[in-house]
């Protein structure tokens, strides 16, 4: 287990050690979150590195990463625990076969820790080897307000209640990261519990740093054209603009195809790596791809 960083610069270095390149503002929020024991709430477009920072922190600190992937209809029970009904039924049948009629004893055994299946929130409250885990509550905006209200209570005291067992309190609060793609607004009460940061698309130089870290085998000239083209795409009227994840994916696709230099034909063949909607792909194919590539090269030449 690695000790927590003692400064913002150490936080930046720690994350860079996991090939995660971030702004100083984001590193500051992460450092303060670790220093003060406060959850951090990250909002931004999909693919800008919100989820990835939790993975990088877990790897850098040597902590277990526990991920709660949110979805519509997620409720408290699904996020905390469930009983192993199949194993309970087997135990009941075995008790009946042995003639064990002590219902009270059987009930205590059936609703003990032996038959409990821990879900992410309960796992985060339990002692973990290597210290408090990283709890990633991913895409919170996909859930509804009742789950937010439950989460607010759970994160206030870092405890959950199981009716059959009682209240379980974390011996050491987990390091909590919440993310949202802002498909809807998250309630202010939950945001106030957290340190907040908007993760934006990186500028050209920072995205180049990210690509060098994640696809170091790419030639500098090709990398510059890739980043510049993606950044140019983000200024277009698209249904879904490509994130940094798509930049990295595209670079790896081009490397797999042994592409040395960009062309409209190469772009048309690989647009599926950066654009995920057919309407967007149709809009960029053909003469539009050539226009954007020409603009990119002209701007790089004068930079």
Protein backbone atom coordinates (compact mmCIF):
# COMPACT_ATOMS: atom_id res chain seq x y z
CA UNK A 1 0.00 0.00 0.00
CA UNK A 2 1.35 3.42 -1.01
CA UNK A 3 0.98 6.32 1.43
CA UNK A 4 -1.33 9.17 0.47
CA UNK A 5 0.31 12.04 -1.44
CA UNK A 6 1.50 14.93 0.72
CA UNK A 7 1.03 17.64 -1.91
CA UNK A 8 -0.67 18.49 -5.19
CA UNK A 9 2.59 17.88 -7.06
CA UNK A 10 2.88 14.43 -5.49
CA UNK A 11 -0.70 13.72 -6.55
CA UNK A 12 0.13 14.66 -10.14
CA UNK A 13 3.22 12.43 -10.07
CA UNK A 14 1.29 9.57 -8.52
CA UNK A 15 -1.32 9.69 -11.29
CA UNK A 16 1.30 10.15 -14.01
CA UNK A 17 2.89 6.94 -12.73
CA UNK A 18 -0.30 5.21 -13.91
CA UNK A 19 -0.24 7.05 -17.27
CA UNK A 20 -3.06 9.35 -16.16
CA UNK A 21 -2.39 12.93 -17.24
CA UNK A 22 -4.60 15.46 -15.48
CA UNK A 23 -4.84 19.20 -14.99
CA UNK A 24 -3.55 20.80 -11.81
CA UNK A 25 -7.12 21.78 -10.91
CA UNK A 26 -8.26 18.15 -10.98
CA UNK A 27 -5.17 17.02 -9.06
CA UNK A 28 -5.96 19.65 -6.43
CA UNK A 29 -9.50 18.30 -5.96
CA UNK A 30 -8.16 14.74 -5.69
CA UNK A 31 -5.51 15.78 -3.17
CA UNK A 32 -8.05 17.64 -1.01
CA UNK A 33 -10.43 14.68 -1.21
CA UNK A 34 -7.72 12.39 0.14
CA UNK A 35 -6.55 14.92 2.72
CA UNK A 36 -10.00 15.80 4.08
CA UNK A 37 -11.71 12.45 3.59
CA UNK A 38 -14.39 14.00 1.40
CA UNK A 39 -16.06 12.32 -1.61
CA UNK A 40 -15.22 13.87 -4.97
CA UNK A 41 -17.95 14.42 -7.54
CA UNK A 42 -16.78 14.51 -11.17
CA UNK A 43 -19.07 15.71 -13.94
CA UNK A 44 -18.30 15.94 -17.63
CA UNK A 45 -18.94 14.46 -21.03
CA UNK A 46 -18.50 10.73 -21.53
CA UNK A 47 -14.96 9.65 -22.34
CA UNK A 48 -13.03 12.48 -20.66
CA UNK A 49 -11.41 10.27 -17.99
CA UNK A 50 -13.76 10.42 -15.00
CA UNK A 51 -13.92 6.67 -14.46
CA UNK A 52 -10.27 6.22 -15.37
CA UNK A 53 -9.07 8.42 -12.51
CA UNK A 54 -10.58 6.02 -9.96
CA UNK A 55 -8.74 3.11 -11.61
CA UNK A 56 -5.50 5.11 -11.63
CA UNK A 57 -5.86 6.06 -7.96
CA UNK A 58 -6.58 2.48 -6.91
CA UNK A 59 -3.51 1.21 -8.78
CA UNK A 60 -1.29 4.05 -7.54
CA UNK A 61 -2.30 3.70 -3.88
CA UNK A 62 -2.47 -0.09 -3.90
CA UNK A 63 -6.12 -0.05 -2.82
CA UNK A 64 -8.98 -2.27 -3.91
CA UNK A 65 -11.30 -0.67 -6.47
CA UNK A 66 -15.00 -1.30 -5.80
CA UNK A 67 -17.25 -0.10 -8.61
CA UNK A 68 -20.98 0.51 -8.38
CA UNK A 69 -22.19 0.91 -11.96
CA UNK A 70 -25.43 2.88 -11.79
CA UNK A 71 -28.43 2.23 -14.01
CA UNK A 72 -32.08 3.17 -14.21
CA UNK A 73 -34.05 1.37 -11.52
CA UNK A 74 -31.06 0.71 -9.23
CA UNK A 75 -32.29 0.49 -5.65
CA UNK A 76 -30.65 0.41 -2.25
CA UNK A 77 -30.99 -3.37 -1.85
CA UNK A 78 -29.21 -4.08 -5.14
CA UNK A 79 -26.40 -1.69 -4.23
CA UNK A 80 -25.86 -2.96 -0.68
CA UNK A 81 -26.58 -6.68 -0.31
CA UNK A 82 -28.78 -9.64 -1.10
CA UNK A 83 -29.37 -13.01 0.49
CA UNK A 84 -28.19 -16.18 -1.18
CA UNK A 85 -31.67 -17.67 -1.57
CA UNK A 86 -30.43 -20.79 -3.39
CA UNK A 87 -28.07 -21.67 -0.55
CA UNK A 88 -30.77 -20.87 2.03
CA UNK A 89 -33.20 -23.26 0.30
CA UNK A 90 -30.57 -26.01 0.32
CA UNK A 91 -30.01 -25.43 4.05
CA UNK A 92 -33.76 -25.56 4.72
CA UNK A 93 -34.12 -28.85 2.80
CA UNK A 94 -31.12 -30.29 4.65
CA UNK A 95 -32.56 -29.25 8.01
CA UNK A 96 -35.91 -30.83 7.12
CA UNK A 97 -34.20 -34.06 6.06
CA UNK A 98 -32.28 -34.19 9.36
CA UNK A 99 -35.46 -33.49 11.32
CA UNK A 100 -34.21 -30.19 12.71
CA UNK A 101 -37.42 -28.37 13.64
CA UNK A 102 -35.90 -25.52 15.67
CA UNK A 103 -37.17 -22.68 13.54
CA UNK A 104 -35.55 -19.90 15.57
CA UNK A 105 -32.10 -21.46 15.34
CA UNK A 106 -32.55 -22.17 11.64
CA UNK A 107 -33.68 -18.59 10.97
CA UNK A 108 -30.64 -17.18 12.79
CA UNK A 109 -28.37 -19.41 10.72
CA UNK A 110 -30.09 -18.58 7.44
CA UNK A 111 -29.82 -14.84 8.00
CA UNK A 112 -26.21 -14.78 9.10
CA UNK A 113 -23.12 -13.60 7.29
CA UNK A 114 -22.67 -17.08 5.80
CA UNK A 115 -25.59 -16.49 3.42
CA UNK A 116 -25.03 -12.78 2.79
CA UNK A 117 -23.86 -11.61 -0.65
CA UNK A 118 -22.16 -8.23 -0.33
CA UNK A 119 -22.79 -5.71 -3.08
CA UNK A 120 -20.51 -2.69 -3.76
CA UNK A 121 -21.71 -0.35 -0.98
CA UNK A 122 -21.46 -3.03 1.69
CA UNK A 123 -18.09 -4.20 0.36
CA UNK A 124 -16.81 -0.63 0.70
CA UNK A 125 -17.82 -0.61 4.37
CA UNK A 126 -16.01 -3.83 5.16
CA UNK A 127 -12.33 -4.01 6.18
CA UNK A 128 -10.10 -4.47 3.14
CA UNK A 129 -6.55 -5.68 2.88
CA UNK A 130 -4.31 -2.73 2.07
CA UNK A 131 -6.54 -0.09 3.63
CA UNK A 132 -9.79 1.64 2.78
CA UNK A 133 -10.87 0.88 -0.79
CA UNK A 134 -11.65 3.24 -3.64
CA UNK A 135 -15.43 3.28 -4.06
CA UNK A 136 -16.40 4.36 -7.57
CA UNK A 137 -20.08 5.25 -7.96
CA UNK A 138 -20.17 5.51 -11.73
CA UNK A 139 -22.74 7.42 -13.82
CA UNK A 140 -24.90 8.47 -10.88
CA UNK A 141 -27.11 10.49 -13.24
CA UNK A 142 -28.58 7.21 -14.55
CA UNK A 143 -30.33 6.54 -11.22
CA UNK A 144 -33.34 8.29 -9.72
CA UNK A 145 -33.87 10.63 -6.75
CA UNK A 146 -34.83 7.95 -4.16
CA UNK A 147 -31.47 6.25 -4.68
CA UNK A 148 -29.71 9.61 -4.40
CA UNK A 149 -31.44 10.19 -1.05
CA UNK A 150 -30.30 6.78 0.20
CA UNK A 151 -26.77 7.42 -1.02
CA UNK A 152 -26.71 10.77 0.76
CA UNK A 153 -27.40 9.03 4.07
CA UNK A 154 -24.91 6.23 3.41
CA UNK A 155 -22.10 8.65 2.55
CA UNK A 156 -22.86 10.91 5.52
CA UNK A 157 -22.06 8.27 8.15
CA UNK A 158 -20.36 5.63 6.00
CA UNK A 159 -22.70 2.98 7.31
CA UNK A 160 -25.49 0.77 6.00
CA UNK A 161 -28.24 -1.09 7.81
CA UNK A 162 -29.21 -4.70 7.18
CA UNK A 163 -32.45 -5.41 9.06
CA UNK A 164 -31.50 -8.99 9.94
CA UNK A 165 -27.95 -8.12 11.08
CA UNK A 166 -28.05 -4.50 12.19
CA UNK A 167 -25.93 -1.49 11.24
CA UNK A 168 -22.53 -2.00 9.65
CA UNK A 169 -20.14 0.95 9.94
CA UNK A 170 -16.93 1.28 7.97
CA UNK A 171 -13.88 1.01 10.28
CA UNK A 172 -12.16 3.40 7.85
CA UNK A 173 -14.21 5.47 5.37
CA UNK A 174 -13.61 4.49 1.74
CA UNK A 175 -12.19 6.94 -0.79
CA UNK A 176 -15.32 7.85 -2.74
CA UNK A 177 -15.48 9.05 -6.35
CA UNK A 178 -18.84 9.79 -7.94
CA UNK A 179 -19.19 10.47 -11.65
CA UNK A 180 -21.96 11.88 -13.80
CA UNK A 181 -22.32 12.44 -17.54
CA UNK A 182 -24.94 15.06 -16.70
CA UNK A 183 -27.82 13.46 -18.56
CA UNK A 184 -29.83 14.94 -15.69
CA UNK A 185 -29.04 17.20 -12.75
CA UNK A 186 -27.95 15.51 -9.53
CA UNK A 187 -29.55 16.96 -6.39
CA UNK A 188 -27.68 19.78 -4.67
CA UNK A 189 -27.81 18.01 -1.30
CA UNK A 190 -25.59 15.24 -2.60
CA UNK A 191 -23.24 17.62 -4.39
CA UNK A 192 -22.76 19.60 -1.17
CA UNK A 193 -21.34 16.50 0.50
CA UNK A 194 -18.62 16.34 -2.14
CA UNK A 195 -15.76 18.30 -3.61
CA UNK A 196 -16.87 19.13 -7.15
CA UNK A 197 -14.95 19.27 -10.42
CA UNK A 198 -16.05 19.56 -14.04
CA UNK A 199 -13.82 17.39 -16.21
CA UNK A 200 -13.64 19.12 -19.58
CA UNK A 201 -12.10 18.08 -22.86
CA UNK A 202 -8.34 18.71 -22.69
CA UNK A 203 -6.60 21.30 -24.82
CA UNK A 204 -4.30 20.21 -27.63
CA UNK A 205 -1.09 19.97 -25.60
CA UNK A 206 -2.67 18.04 -22.74
CA UNK A 207 -4.36 15.62 -25.12
CA UNK A 208 -0.98 15.09 -26.79
CA UNK A 209 0.49 14.26 -23.36
CA UNK A 210 -2.32 11.77 -22.78
CA UNK A 211 -1.79 10.13 -26.17
CA UNK A 212 1.97 9.90 -25.63
CA UNK A 213 1.30 8.14 -22.32
CA UNK A 214 -1.37 5.76 -23.65
CA UNK A 215 -0.06 5.13 -27.18
CA UNK A 216 3.69 5.84 -26.97
CA UNK A 217 4.43 3.83 -30.10
CA UNK A 218 2.60 6.34 -32.31
CA UNK A 219 4.83 8.67 -34.33
CA UNK A 220 4.73 12.32 -33.27
CA UNK A 221 3.45 13.56 -36.64
CA UNK A 222 0.61 11.04 -36.72
CA UNK A 223 -0.26 11.74 -33.07
CA UNK A 224 -0.50 15.46 -33.74
CA UNK A 225 -2.82 14.90 -36.70
CA UNK A 226 -4.98 12.50 -34.68
CA UNK A 227 -5.38 14.91 -31.77
CA UNK A 228 -5.91 17.93 -34.01
CA UNK A 229 -8.53 16.09 -36.08
CA UNK A 230 -10.45 14.94 -32.99
CA UNK A 231 -10.33 18.43 -31.54
CA UNK A 232 -11.62 19.77 -34.85
CA UNK A 233 -14.47 17.22 -34.74
CA UNK A 234 -15.50 18.56 -31.33
CA UNK A 235 -16.25 21.92 -32.93
CA UNK A 236 -18.62 20.32 -35.44
CA UNK A 237 -22.36 19.92 -34.96
CA UNK A 238 -22.36 16.26 -33.91
CA UNK A 239 -24.84 14.26 -31.88
CA UNK A 240 -22.02 12.80 -29.76
CA UNK A 241 -18.60 14.42 -29.73
CA UNK A 242 -15.61 12.10 -29.33
CA UNK A 243 -13.94 11.97 -25.94
CA UNK A 244 -10.33 11.34 -25.00
CA UNK A 245 -11.08 7.61 -24.82
CA UNK A 246 -12.02 7.72 -28.50
CA UNK A 247 -8.79 9.57 -29.34
CA UNK A 248 -6.78 6.78 -27.74
CA UNK A 249 -8.89 4.07 -29.40
CA UNK A 250 -8.49 5.70 -32.81
CA UNK A 251 -4.73 5.97 -32.43
CA UNK A 252 -4.50 2.28 -31.51
CA UNK A 253 -6.68 1.33 -34.50
CA UNK A 254 -4.48 3.32 -36.87
CA UNK A 255 -1.37 1.71 -35.40
CA UNK A 256 -2.91 -1.74 -35.81
CA UNK A 257 -3.47 -0.92 -39.49
CA UNK A 258 0.14 0.28 -39.84
CA UNK A 259 -1.07 3.73 -40.89
CA UNK A 260 1.83 6.16 -41.19
CA UNK A 261 -0.07 9.21 -42.40
CA UNK A 262 -3.71 10.29 -42.42
CA UNK A 263 -5.85 10.37 -45.55
CA UNK A 264 -9.59 10.89 -46.21
CA UNK A 265 -9.84 7.20 -47.11
CA UNK A 266 -8.23 6.06 -43.85
CA UNK A 267 -10.49 8.41 -41.90
CA UNK A 268 -13.60 7.06 -43.64
CA UNK A 269 -12.58 3.47 -42.93
CA UNK A 270 -11.95 4.06 -39.20
CA UNK A 271 -14.56 6.65 -38.22
CA UNK A 272 -16.34 3.99 -36.17
CA UNK A 273 -13.52 4.23 -33.63
CA UNK A 274 -14.30 7.86 -32.81
CA UNK A 275 -17.94 8.41 -33.80
CA UNK A 276 -20.66 6.14 -32.43
CA UNK A 277 -23.75 7.35 -34.30
CA UNK A 278 -24.42 6.69 -37.98
CA UNK A 279 -25.72 10.22 -38.60
CA UNK A 280 -22.42 11.63 -37.33
CA UNK A 281 -20.40 9.20 -39.46
CA UNK A 282 -22.35 10.09 -42.60
CA UNK A 283 -21.85 13.78 -41.90
CA UNK A 284 -18.05 13.46 -41.73
CA UNK A 285 -17.40 10.97 -44.54
CA UNK A 286 -16.20 11.92 -48.02
CA UNK A 287 -15.46 15.55 -48.87
CA UNK A 288 -16.12 16.69 -45.30
CA UNK A 289 -13.32 14.46 -43.98
CA UNK A 290 -10.96 15.89 -46.60
CA UNK A 291 -11.95 19.45 -45.69
CA UNK A 292 -11.32 18.87 -42.00
CA UNK A 293 -8.01 17.11 -42.66
CA UNK A 294 -6.85 19.98 -44.90
CA UNK A 295 -7.77 22.49 -42.20
CA UNK A 296 -5.97 20.46 -39.55
CA UNK A 297 -2.77 20.25 -41.61
CA UNK A 298 -2.88 23.96 -42.39
CA UNK A 299 -3.26 24.82 -38.72
CA UNK A 300 -0.48 22.43 -37.66
CA UNK A 301 1.81 23.88 -40.29
CA UNK A 302 1.37 27.40 -38.92
CA UNK A 303 1.48 26.42 -35.26
